[in-house]
Amino acid sequence: MRLSRYCSVRAALRLTLLVLGVALLAIFSAQANDAPKPGAAKPFRFAVYGDTRDGHDIHRKLVALIMSKDPALVLQTGDIVHSGSKDDLWKIYDDITGDMCKKIPVYPARGNHDVGGKGYEAHVTQPFTSGNKLYYAFDKENVHFIALAIDEVSDYSEKSAQYKWLVEDLKTARGRGKFIIVYFHVPPYSIGSHGSDENVRETLCPLFVQYGVTLVLNGHDHNYYRTVRDGITYIVTGGGGAPLYPCNVNKGVIPGDKYESVHHIVVCDVNGDTATVTALRFDGSTLDRFTVKAR
């Protein structure tokens, strides 16, 4: 009788230890799966703004807001100054952004107001992996960034050097499974004073669809506008300081769009194949927030 009871207790103890071992193994396996893999992309943050031009007081506030968010890099969607040929305007820009540029890499795209003189190209100071100072690409972790010269002057037609370069760069990035983000000045979708540029839409948007671009960032219209077309999120972020333009809902708003005529910045937090995008008004309040996944 005692022997039988002893065997039962021993069997129960073995079962308990087995269950405990399985549970511990599951916990350790989950922790191992959650741990960053060697060589895996690390989370990072970047900020975006554009159309600073001659709104110097607002620009200063936005630069301070950007720096408070501690991004790894900053994108500028064009119209950095009011007239690219005037050196004194570039000096004002340098005075406003000097501390930011010392601490954070800034990658601009050229706007129509930046054309003329050597000021714009002198401000493309960060290294890039492909292209030239007018259109170029670079990588950060698993994200492939592409800056284009779509500024009412540059040639981006199908026979142009820029278009051919873009196709090859997109093919390469797609082949490497990159999270692709493209930014440039003139928007294919907009409800501001300039509105949508049909030529940009017809020429470039099919490439974005074909090669899996996730996010397209523009300026030119001085407001905020977000829309999703063909699975791609397009953002107009032209609220960097220039006089604001009204949002006209009759220029093509569709359900789900978000828009506001306000000075602002955009902050993107990338984690693997997901980016959480937050638009912030110049006072720091939240204008918009959404998440996109790499296509």
C-alpha atoms as a PDB file:
ATOM      1  CA  MET A   1       0.000   0.000   0.000  1.00  0.00           C
ATOM      2  CA  ARG A   2       2.803   2.387   0.981  1.00  0.00           C
ATOM      3  CA  LEU A   3       4.755   1.366  -2.111  1.00  0.00           C
ATOM      4  CA  SER A   4       1.751   2.042  -4.347  1.00  0.00           C
ATOM      5  CA  ARG A   5       1.253   5.481  -2.752  1.00  0.00           C
ATOM      6  CA  TYR A   6       4.977   6.227  -3.145  1.00  0.00           C
ATOM      7  CA  CYS A   7       4.849   5.322  -6.835  1.00  0.00           C
ATOM      8  CA  SER A   8       1.811   7.521  -7.360  1.00  0.00           C
ATOM      9  CA  VAL A   9       3.486  10.506  -5.705  1.00  0.00           C
ATOM     10  CA  ARG A  10       6.630   9.909  -7.725  1.00  0.00           C
ATOM     11  CA  ALA A  11       4.656   9.713 -10.974  1.00  0.00           C
ATOM     12  CA  ALA A  12       2.807  12.933 -10.112  1.00  0.00           C
ATOM     13  CA  LEU A  13       6.105  14.662  -9.361  1.00  0.00           C
ATOM     14  CA  ARG A  14       7.539  13.557 -12.704  1.00  0.00           C
ATOM     15  CA  LEU A  15       4.435  14.853 -14.516  1.00  0.00           C
ATOM     16  CA  THR A  16       4.664  18.183 -12.691  1.00  0.00           C
ATOM     17  CA  LEU A  17       8.337  18.549 -13.587  1.00  0.00           C
ATOM     18  CA  LEU A  18       7.563  17.656 -17.211  1.00  0.00           C
ATOM     19  CA  VAL A  19       4.802  20.263 -17.436  1.00  0.00           C
ATOM     20  CA  LEU A  20       7.043  22.855 -15.789  1.00  0.00           C
ATOM     21  CA  GLY A  21       9.860  22.057 -18.216  1.00  0.00           C
ATOM     22  CA  VAL A  22       7.576  22.427 -21.229  1.00  0.00           C
ATOM     23  CA  ALA A  23       6.306  25.782 -19.894  1.00  0.00           C
ATOM     24  CA  LEU A  24       9.833  27.081 -19.307  1.00  0.00           C
ATOM     25  CA  LEU A  25      10.902  25.936 -22.762  1.00  0.00           C
ATOM     26  CA  ALA A  26       7.960  27.828 -24.294  1.00  0.00           C
ATOM     27  CA  ILE A  27       8.899  30.983 -22.372  1.00  0.00           C
ATOM     28  CA  PHE A  28      12.552  30.816 -23.395  1.00  0.00           C
ATOM     29  CA  SER A  29      11.606  30.122 -27.020  1.00  0.00           C
ATOM     30  CA  ALA A  30       9.261  33.137 -27.085  1.00  0.00           C
ATOM     31  CA  GLN A  31      11.954  35.351 -25.618  1.00  0.00           C
ATOM     32  CA  ALA A  32      14.442  34.098 -28.175  1.00  0.00           C
ATOM     33  CA  ASN A  33      12.010  34.800 -31.005  1.00  0.00           C
ATOM     34  CA  ASP A  34      11.322  38.305 -29.687  1.00  0.00           C
ATOM     35  CA  ALA A  35      14.997  39.145 -29.281  1.00  0.00           C
ATOM     36  CA  PRO A  36      16.633  41.107 -32.126  1.00  0.00           C
ATOM     37  CA  LYS A  37      18.342  38.811 -34.607  1.00  0.00           C
ATOM     38  CA  PRO A  38      21.953  39.508 -35.525  1.00  0.00           C
ATOM     39  CA  GLY A  39      21.885  41.919 -38.453  1.00  0.00           C
ATOM     40  CA  ALA A  40      18.148  42.637 -38.062  1.00  0.00           C
ATOM     41  CA  ALA A  41      16.934  46.174 -38.760  1.00  0.00           C
ATOM     42  CA  LYS A  42      16.784  48.399 -35.705  1.00  0.00           C
ATOM     43  CA  PRO A  43      13.841  50.718 -35.023  1.00  0.00           C
ATOM     44  CA  PHE A  44      14.479  54.353 -35.881  1.00  0.00           C
ATOM     45  CA  ARG A  45      12.664  57.670 -36.246  1.00  0.00           C
ATOM     46  CA  PHE A  46      12.779  60.264 -38.996  1.00  0.00           C
ATOM     47  CA  ALA A  47      11.057  63.614 -39.451  1.00  0.00           C
ATOM     48  CA  VAL A  48       9.698  65.323 -42.576  1.00  0.00           C
ATOM     49  CA  TYR A  49       8.730  68.885 -43.407  1.00  0.00           C
ATOM     50  CA  GLY A  50       8.809  71.240 -46.388  1.00  0.00           C
ATOM     51  CA  ASP A  51       8.082  74.662 -47.885  1.00  0.00           C
ATOM     52  CA  THR A  52       9.952  76.644 -45.250  1.00  0.00           C
ATOM     53  CA  ARG A  53      10.725  79.509 -47.640  1.00  0.00           C
ATOM     54  CA  ASP A  54      10.373  82.881 -45.902  1.00  0.00           C
ATOM     55  CA  GLY A  55       8.299  81.910 -42.846  1.00  0.00           C
ATOM     56  CA  HIS A  56      11.311  82.274 -40.595  1.00  0.00           C
ATOM     57  CA  ASP A  57       9.572  82.534 -37.210  1.00  0.00           C
ATOM     58  CA  ILE A  58       7.418  79.459 -37.843  1.00  0.00           C
ATOM     59  CA  HIS A  59      10.431  77.650 -39.284  1.00  0.00           C
ATOM     60  CA  ARG A  60      12.366  78.223 -36.054  1.00  0.00           C
ATOM     61  CA  LYS A  61       9.513  76.751 -34.010  1.00  0.00           C
ATOM     62  CA  LEU A  62       9.293  73.722 -36.269  1.00  0.00           C
ATOM     63  CA  VAL A  63      13.046  73.099 -36.116  1.00  0.00           C
ATOM     64  CA  ALA A  64      12.827  73.185 -32.312  1.00  0.00           C
ATOM     65  CA  LEU A  65       9.915  70.736 -32.453  1.00  0.00           C
ATOM     66  CA  ILE A  66      11.847  68.410 -34.760  1.00  0.00           C
ATOM     67  CA  MET A  67      14.881  68.446 -32.487  1.00  0.00           C
ATOM     68  CA  SER A  68      12.706  67.692 -29.452  1.00  0.00           C
ATOM     69  CA  LYS A  69      11.642  64.446 -31.169  1.00  0.00           C
ATOM     70  CA  ASP A  70      15.285  63.354 -31.625  1.00  0.00           C
ATOM     71  CA  PRO A  71      14.984  61.827 -35.125  1.00  0.00           C
ATOM     72  CA  ALA A  72      17.810  59.897 -36.765  1.00  0.00           C
ATOM     73  CA  LEU A  73      17.367  61.953 -39.953  1.00  0.00           C
ATOM     74  CA  VAL A  74      15.235  64.696 -41.501  1.00  0.00           C
ATOM     75  CA  LEU A  75      13.695  64.860 -44.986  1.00  0.00           C
ATOM     76  CA  GLN A  76      12.846  68.227 -46.568  1.00  0.00           C
ATOM     77  CA  THR A  77      10.291  68.146 -49.402  1.00  0.00           C
ATOM     78  CA  GLY A  78      11.468  71.291 -51.184  1.00  0.00           C
ATOM     79  CA  ASP A  79      11.073  75.068 -51.402  1.00  0.00           C
ATOM     80  CA  ILE A  80      13.729  75.442 -48.758  1.00  0.00           C
ATOM     81  CA  VAL A  81      14.143  79.146 -49.528  1.00  0.00           C
ATOM     82  CA  HIS A  82      12.083  81.696 -51.458  1.00  0.00           C
ATOM     83  CA  SER A  83      14.659  82.112 -54.243  1.00  0.00           C
ATOM     84  CA  GLY A  84      17.491  79.656 -54.781  1.00  0.00           C
ATOM     85  CA  SER A  85      19.724  82.225 -56.464  1.00  0.00           C
ATOM     86  CA  LYS A  86      19.877  84.540 -53.424  1.00  0.00           C
ATOM     87  CA  ASP A  87      22.751  83.686 -51.103  1.00  0.00           C
ATOM     88  CA  ASP A  88      21.378  85.813 -48.251  1.00  0.00           C
ATOM     89  CA  LEU A  89      18.297  83.574 -48.048  1.00  0.00           C
ATOM     90  CA  TRP A  90      20.457  80.468 -47.750  1.00  0.00           C
ATOM     91  CA  LYS A  91      22.327  82.183 -44.923  1.00  0.00           C
ATOM     92  CA  ILE A  92      19.056  82.744 -43.072  1.00  0.00           C
ATOM     93  CA  TYR A  93      18.154  79.085 -43.606  1.00  0.00           C
ATOM     94  CA  ASP A  94      21.557  78.053 -42.252  1.00  0.00           C
ATOM     95  CA  ASP A  95      21.080  80.253 -39.197  1.00  0.00           C
ATOM     96  CA  ILE A  96      17.691  78.693 -38.439  1.00  0.00           C
ATOM     97  CA  THR A  97      18.732  75.084 -39.045  1.00  0.00           C
ATOM     98  CA  GLY A  98      22.378  75.259 -37.963  1.00  0.00           C
ATOM     99  CA  ASP A  99      22.055  73.397 -34.657  1.00  0.00           C
ATOM    100  CA  MET A 100      19.763  70.785 -36.214  1.00  0.00           C
ATOM    101  CA  CYS A 101      22.089  70.149 -39.153  1.00  0.00           C
ATOM    102  CA  LYS A 102      25.051  69.694 -36.797  1.00  0.00           C
ATOM    103  CA  LYS A 103      23.238  66.956 -34.892  1.00  0.00           C
ATOM    104  CA  ILE A 104      20.879  65.376 -37.426  1.00  0.00           C
ATOM    105  CA  PRO A 105      21.485  64.442 -41.086  1.00  0.00           C
ATOM    106  CA  VAL A 106      19.176  66.451 -43.366  1.00  0.00           C
ATOM    107  CA  TYR A 107      18.274  65.139 -46.832  1.00  0.00           C
ATOM    108  CA  PRO A 108      16.486  67.709 -49.041  1.00  0.00           C
ATOM    109  CA  ALA A 109      14.568  67.400 -52.293  1.00  0.00           C
ATOM    110  CA  ARG A 110      14.628  70.404 -54.630  1.00  0.00           C
ATOM    111  CA  GLY A 111      11.545  72.592 -54.968  1.00  0.00           C
ATOM    112  CA  ASN A 112      10.765  75.087 -57.720  1.00  0.00           C
ATOM    113  CA  HIS A 113      11.770  78.028 -55.477  1.00  0.00           C
ATOM    114  CA  ASP A 114      15.182  76.412 -54.877  1.00  0.00           C
ATOM    115  CA  VAL A 115      16.115  76.489 -58.571  1.00  0.00           C
ATOM    116  CA  GLY A 116      18.893  78.907 -59.534  1.00  0.00           C
ATOM    117  CA  GLY A 117      22.380  79.424 -58.215  1.00  0.00           C
ATOM    118  CA  LYS A 118      24.389  76.779 -56.374  1.00  0.00           C
ATOM    119  CA  GLY A 119      22.640  77.014 -53.018  1.00  0.00           C
ATOM    120  CA  TYR A 120      20.532  73.869 -53.260  1.00  0.00           C
ATOM    121  CA  GLU A 121      23.287  71.497 -54.337  1.00  0.00           C
ATOM    122  CA  ALA A 122      25.584  72.981 -51.684  1.00  0.00           C
ATOM    123  CA  HIS A 123      23.038  71.833 -49.107  1.00  0.00           C
ATOM    124  CA  VAL A 124      22.994  68.205 -50.246  1.00  0.00           C
ATOM    125  CA  THR A 125      25.769  67.261 -47.845  1.00  0.00           C
ATOM    126  CA  GLN A 126      24.887  63.753 -46.695  1.00  0.00           C
ATOM    127  CA  PRO A 127      26.232  60.628 -48.434  1.00  0.00           C
ATOM    128  CA  PHE A 128      23.960  58.747 -50.825  1.00  0.00           C
ATOM    129  CA  THR A 129      24.300  55.363 -52.487  1.00  0.00           C
ATOM    130  CA  SER A 130      22.995  56.160 -55.956  1.00  0.00           C
ATOM    131  CA  GLY A 131      22.182  59.135 -58.189  1.00  0.00           C
ATOM    132  CA  ASN A 132      23.424  62.718 -57.928  1.00  0.00           C
ATOM    133  CA  LYS A 133      22.649  65.840 -55.892  1.00  0.00           C
ATOM    134  CA  LEU A 134      19.392  66.452 -57.746  1.00  0.00           C
ATOM    135  CA  TYR A 135      17.980  62.933 -57.443  1.00  0.00           C
ATOM    136  CA  TYR A 136      19.490  60.329 -55.192  1.00  0.00           C
ATOM    137  CA  ALA A 137      18.865  57.353 -52.918  1.00  0.00           C
ATOM    138  CA  PHE A 138      20.141  56.213 -49.549  1.00  0.00           C
ATOM    139  CA  ASP A 139      19.393  53.519 -46.980  1.00  0.00           C
ATOM    140  CA  LYS A 140      18.683  53.582 -43.264  1.00  0.00           C
ATOM    141  CA  GLU A 141      18.258  50.156 -41.666  1.00  0.00           C
ATOM    142  CA  ASN A 142      15.641  48.356 -43.824  1.00  0.00           C
ATOM    143  CA  VAL A 143      14.259  51.536 -45.459  1.00  0.00           C
ATOM    144  CA  HIS A 144      15.285  52.714 -48.908  1.00  0.00           C
ATOM    145  CA  PHE A 145      14.743  56.463 -49.356  1.00  0.00           C
ATOM    146  CA  ILE A 146      14.533  58.066 -52.811  1.00  0.00           C
ATOM    147  CA  ALA A 147      14.685  61.837 -53.353  1.00  0.00           C
ATOM    148  CA  LEU A 148      13.528  63.052 -56.776  1.00  0.00           C
ATOM    149  CA  ALA A 149      13.838  66.384 -58.586  1.00  0.00           C
ATOM    150  CA  ILE A 150      10.201  67.069 -59.436  1.00  0.00           C
ATOM    151  CA  ASP A 151      10.278  70.837 -59.289  1.00  0.00           C
ATOM    152  CA  GLU A 152       8.568  72.172 -62.458  1.00  0.00           C
ATOM    153  CA  VAL A 153      11.988  72.457 -64.123  1.00  0.00           C
ATOM    154  CA  SER A 154      13.687  69.036 -64.019  1.00  0.00           C
ATOM    155  CA  ASP A 155      12.970  66.427 -66.672  1.00  0.00           C
ATOM    156  CA  TYR A 156      11.364  63.230 -65.370  1.00  0.00           C
ATOM    157  CA  SER A 157       9.778  62.008 -68.606  1.00  0.00           C
ATOM    158  CA  GLU A 158      10.175  58.352 -69.597  1.00  0.00           C
ATOM    159  CA  LYS A 159      13.152  59.175 -71.829  1.00  0.00           C
ATOM    160  CA  SER A 160      14.942  61.247 -69.199  1.00  0.00           C
ATOM    161  CA  ALA A 161      18.038  60.204 -67.291  1.00  0.00           C
ATOM    162  CA  GLN A 162      16.168  60.706 -64.021  1.00  0.00           C
ATOM    163  CA  TYR A 163      13.326  58.363 -64.990  1.00  0.00           C
ATOM    164  CA  LYS A 164      15.690  55.649 -66.200  1.00  0.00           C
ATOM    165  CA  TRP A 165      17.733  55.940 -63.009  1.00  0.00           C
ATOM    166  CA  LEU A 166      14.563  55.731 -60.909  1.00  0.00           C
ATOM    167  CA  VAL A 167      13.419  52.523 -62.606  1.00  0.00           C
ATOM    168  CA  GLU A 168      16.762  50.812 -62.012  1.00  0.00           C
ATOM    169  CA  ASP A 169      16.956  52.022 -58.414  1.00  0.00           C
ATOM    170  CA  LEU A 170      13.426  50.819 -57.666  1.00  0.00           C
ATOM    171  CA  LYS A 171      14.170  47.428 -59.224  1.00  0.00           C
ATOM    172  CA  THR A 172      17.240  47.021 -57.046  1.00  0.00           C
ATOM    173  CA  ALA A 173      15.452  48.100 -53.867  1.00  0.00           C
ATOM    174  CA  ARG A 174      12.503  45.830 -54.602  1.00  0.00           C
ATOM    175  CA  GLY A 175      14.833  42.931 -55.237  1.00  0.00           C
ATOM    176  CA  ARG A 176      16.438  43.452 -51.849  1.00  0.00           C
ATOM    177  CA  GLY A 177      13.043  43.482 -50.120  1.00  0.00           C
ATOM    178  CA  LYS A 178      13.402  47.066 -48.938  1.00  0.00           C
ATOM    179  CA  PHE A 179      10.735  49.259 -47.339  1.00  0.00           C
ATOM    180  CA  ILE A 180      10.607  51.987 -50.022  1.00  0.00           C
ATOM    181  CA  ILE A 181       9.822  55.643 -49.292  1.00  0.00           C
ATOM    182  CA  VAL A 182       9.947  58.293 -52.038  1.00  0.00           C
ATOM    183  CA  TYR A 183       9.896  62.056 -51.533  1.00  0.00           C
ATOM    184  CA  PHE A 184       9.865  65.063 -53.874  1.00  0.00           C
ATOM    185  CA  HIS A 185       8.246  68.462 -54.238  1.00  0.00           C
ATOM    186  CA  VAL A 186       5.306  68.543 -56.678  1.00  0.00           C
ATOM    187  CA  PRO A 187       2.507  66.171 -55.542  1.00  0.00           C
ATOM    188  CA  PRO A 188       0.499  63.797 -57.716  1.00  0.00           C
ATOM    189  CA  TYR A 189      -2.398  64.091 -55.257  1.00  0.00           C
ATOM    190  CA  SER A 190      -3.231  67.383 -53.532  1.00  0.00           C
ATOM    191  CA  ILE A 191      -6.200  69.550 -52.601  1.00  0.00           C
ATOM    192  CA  GLY A 192      -4.296  72.804 -52.038  1.00  0.00           C
ATOM    193  CA  SER A 193      -4.018  75.837 -54.304  1.00  0.00           C
ATOM    194  CA  HIS A 194      -1.733  74.050 -56.788  1.00  0.00           C
ATOM    195  CA  GLY A 195      -3.763  70.843 -56.692  1.00  0.00           C
ATOM    196  CA  SER A 196      -2.776  67.468 -58.122  1.00  0.00           C
ATOM    197  CA  ASP A 197      -0.177  67.362 -60.861  1.00  0.00           C
ATOM    198  CA  GLU A 198      -1.621  65.017 -63.467  1.00  0.00           C
ATOM    199  CA  ASN A 199       1.662  64.602 -65.331  1.00  0.00           C
ATOM    200  CA  VAL A 200       3.462  63.489 -62.174  1.00  0.00           C
ATOM    201  CA  ARG A 201       0.614  61.095 -61.466  1.00  0.00           C
ATOM    202  CA  GLU A 202       0.610  59.563 -64.942  1.00  0.00           C
ATOM    203  CA  THR A 203       4.396  59.297 -65.212  1.00  0.00           C
ATOM    204  CA  LEU A 204       5.554  58.258 -61.753  1.00  0.00           C
ATOM    205  CA  CYS A 205       2.668  56.687 -59.834  1.00  0.00           C
ATOM    206  CA  PRO A 206       2.549  53.537 -62.019  1.00  0.00           C
ATOM    207  CA  LEU A 207       6.207  52.941 -61.089  1.00  0.00           C
ATOM    208  CA  PHE A 208       5.392  53.328 -57.401  1.00  0.00           C
ATOM    209  CA  VAL A 209       2.648  50.708 -57.731  1.00  0.00           C
ATOM    210  CA  GLN A 210       4.776  48.332 -59.804  1.00  0.00           C
ATOM    211  CA  TYR A 211       7.805  48.381 -57.495  1.00  0.00           C
ATOM    212  CA  GLY A 212       6.099  48.336 -54.118  1.00  0.00           C
ATOM    213  CA  VAL A 213       6.571  51.870 -52.830  1.00  0.00           C
ATOM    214  CA  THR A 214       4.834  52.255 -49.452  1.00  0.00           C
ATOM    215  CA  LEU A 215       4.933  55.976 -48.725  1.00  0.00           C
ATOM    216  CA  VAL A 216       5.254  59.084 -50.953  1.00  0.00           C
ATOM    217  CA  LEU A 217       6.008  62.458 -49.338  1.00  0.00           C
ATOM    218  CA  ASN A 218       5.518  65.794 -51.138  1.00  0.00           C
ATOM    219  CA  GLY A 219       5.327  69.554 -50.577  1.00  0.00           C
ATOM    220  CA  HIS A 220       4.404  72.454 -52.900  1.00  0.00           C
ATOM    221  CA  ASP A 221       0.938  73.018 -51.404  1.00  0.00           C
ATOM    222  CA  HIS A 222       1.234  74.717 -48.018  1.00  0.00           C
ATOM    223  CA  ASN A 223      -0.988  72.477 -45.938  1.00  0.00           C
ATOM    224  CA  TYR A 224      -1.317  68.868 -44.767  1.00  0.00           C
ATOM    225  CA  TYR A 225      -3.063  66.227 -46.847  1.00  0.00           C
ATOM    226  CA  ARG A 226      -3.029  62.436 -46.564  1.00  0.00           C
ATOM    227  CA  THR A 227      -4.675  60.071 -49.002  1.00  0.00           C
ATOM    228  CA  VAL A 228      -4.319  56.402 -49.974  1.00  0.00           C
ATOM    229  CA  ARG A 229      -4.354  55.558 -53.670  1.00  0.00           C
ATOM    230  CA  ASP A 230      -3.683  52.097 -55.144  1.00  0.00           C
ATOM    231  CA  GLY A 231      -2.458  50.912 -51.754  1.00  0.00           C
ATOM    232  CA  ILE A 232       0.150  53.696 -51.456  1.00  0.00           C
ATOM    233  CA  THR A 233      -0.067  56.450 -48.842  1.00  0.00           C
ATOM    234  CA  TYR A 234       0.597  59.934 -50.235  1.00  0.00           C
ATOM    235  CA  ILE A 235       1.265  62.857 -47.897  1.00  0.00           C
ATOM    236  CA  VAL A 236       1.546  66.536 -48.749  1.00  0.00           C
ATOM    237  CA  THR A 237       3.611  68.138 -45.980  1.00  0.00           C
ATOM    238  CA  GLY A 238       4.140  71.710 -47.102  1.00  0.00           C
ATOM    239  CA  GLY A 239       3.508  73.432 -43.793  1.00  0.00           C
ATOM    240  CA  GLY A 240       7.091  74.405 -42.966  1.00  0.00           C
ATOM    241  CA  GLY A 241       6.597  78.168 -42.730  1.00  0.00           C
ATOM    242  CA  ALA A 242       5.435  79.505 -46.100  1.00  0.00           C
ATOM    243  CA  PRO A 243       1.979  81.202 -46.198  1.00  0.00           C
ATOM    244  CA  LEU A 244      -0.719  78.567 -45.775  1.00  0.00           C
ATOM    245  CA  TYR A 245      -3.018  77.456 -48.595  1.00  0.00           C
ATOM    246  CA  PRO A 246      -6.646  76.441 -47.993  1.00  0.00           C
ATOM    247  CA  CYS A 247      -7.754  72.829 -48.418  1.00  0.00           C
ATOM    248  CA  ASN A 248     -10.349  72.513 -51.189  1.00  0.00           C
ATOM    249  CA  VAL A 249     -12.439  69.358 -50.775  1.00  0.00           C
ATOM    250  CA  ASN A 250     -13.694  69.743 -54.347  1.00  0.00           C
ATOM    251  CA  LYS A 251     -10.234  68.955 -55.704  1.00  0.00           C
ATOM    252  CA  GLY A 252     -10.513  65.201 -55.277  1.00  0.00           C
ATOM    253  CA  VAL A 253     -11.030  64.284 -51.615  1.00  0.00           C
ATOM    254  CA  ILE A 254     -12.043  60.651 -51.115  1.00  0.00           C
ATOM    255  CA  PRO A 255     -13.352  58.889 -47.973  1.00  0.00           C
ATOM    256  CA  GLY A 256     -10.606  58.377 -45.404  1.00  0.00           C
ATOM    257  CA  ASP A 257      -8.541  61.420 -46.423  1.00  0.00           C
ATOM    258  CA  LYS A 258      -7.125  63.666 -43.698  1.00  0.00           C
ATOM    259  CA  TYR A 259      -6.355  67.342 -44.276  1.00  0.00           C
ATOM    260  CA  GLU A 260      -5.791  70.641 -42.510  1.00  0.00           C
ATOM    261  CA  SER A 261      -4.340  74.015 -43.412  1.00  0.00           C
ATOM    262  CA  VAL A 262      -1.732  74.383 -40.656  1.00  0.00           C
ATOM    263  CA  HIS A 263       2.019  74.659 -40.145  1.00  0.00           C
ATOM    264  CA  HIS A 264       3.290  71.256 -39.116  1.00  0.00           C
ATOM    265  CA  ILE A 265       5.885  68.488 -39.258  1.00  0.00           C
ATOM    266  CA  VAL A 266       5.586  64.735 -39.791  1.00  0.00           C
ATOM    267  CA  VAL A 267       7.340  62.170 -37.569  1.00  0.00           C
ATOM    268  CA  CYS A 268       7.741  58.537 -38.661  1.00  0.00           C
ATOM    269  CA  ASP A 269       8.711  55.685 -36.341  1.00  0.00           C
ATOM    270  CA  VAL A 270       9.930  52.664 -38.316  1.00  0.00           C
ATOM    271  CA  ASN A 271      10.013  49.238 -36.723  1.00  0.00           C
ATOM    272  CA  GLY A 272      10.747  46.403 -39.118  1.00  0.00           C
ATOM    273  CA  ASP A 273       8.205  46.485 -41.933  1.00  0.00           C
ATOM    274  CA  THR A 274       5.871  48.883 -40.110  1.00  0.00           C
ATOM    275  CA  ALA A 275       5.927  52.669 -39.786  1.00  0.00           C
ATOM    276  CA  THR A 276       3.793  54.693 -37.401  1.00  0.00           C
ATOM    277  CA  VAL A 277       3.321  58.177 -38.840  1.00  0.00           C
ATOM    278  CA  THR A 278       2.339  61.161 -36.686  1.00  0.00           C
ATOM    279  CA  ALA A 279       1.672  64.653 -38.024  1.00  0.00           C
ATOM    280  CA  LEU A 280       2.197  67.371 -35.418  1.00  0.00           C
ATOM    281  CA  ARG A 281       0.983  70.957 -35.562  1.00  0.00           C
ATOM    282  CA  PHE A 282       3.533  73.679 -34.839  1.00  0.00           C
ATOM    283  CA  ASP A 283       2.331  73.790 -31.211  1.00  0.00           C
ATOM    284  CA  GLY A 284       3.080  70.084 -30.789  1.00  0.00           C
ATOM    285  CA  SER A 285      -0.535  68.876 -30.826  1.00  0.00           C
ATOM    286  CA  THR A 286      -1.391  65.807 -32.886  1.00  0.00           C
ATOM    287  CA  LEU A 287      -2.937  66.452 -36.285  1.00  0.00           C
ATOM    288  CA  ASP A 288      -2.939  62.909 -37.652  1.00  0.00           C
ATOM    289  CA  ARG A 289      -1.659  59.461 -36.725  1.00  0.00           C
ATOM    290  CA  PHE A 290      -1.712  56.202 -38.697  1.00  0.00           C
ATOM    291  CA  THR A 291       0.326  53.094 -39.459  1.00  0.00           C
ATOM    292  CA  VAL A 292       1.553  51.687 -42.759  1.00  0.00           C
ATOM    293  CA  LYS A 293       3.194  48.361 -43.584  1.00  0.00           C
ATOM    294  CA  ALA A 294       5.807  47.791 -46.251  1.00  0.00           C
ATOM    295  CA  ARG A 295       4.256  46.569 -49.503  1.00  0.00           C
END
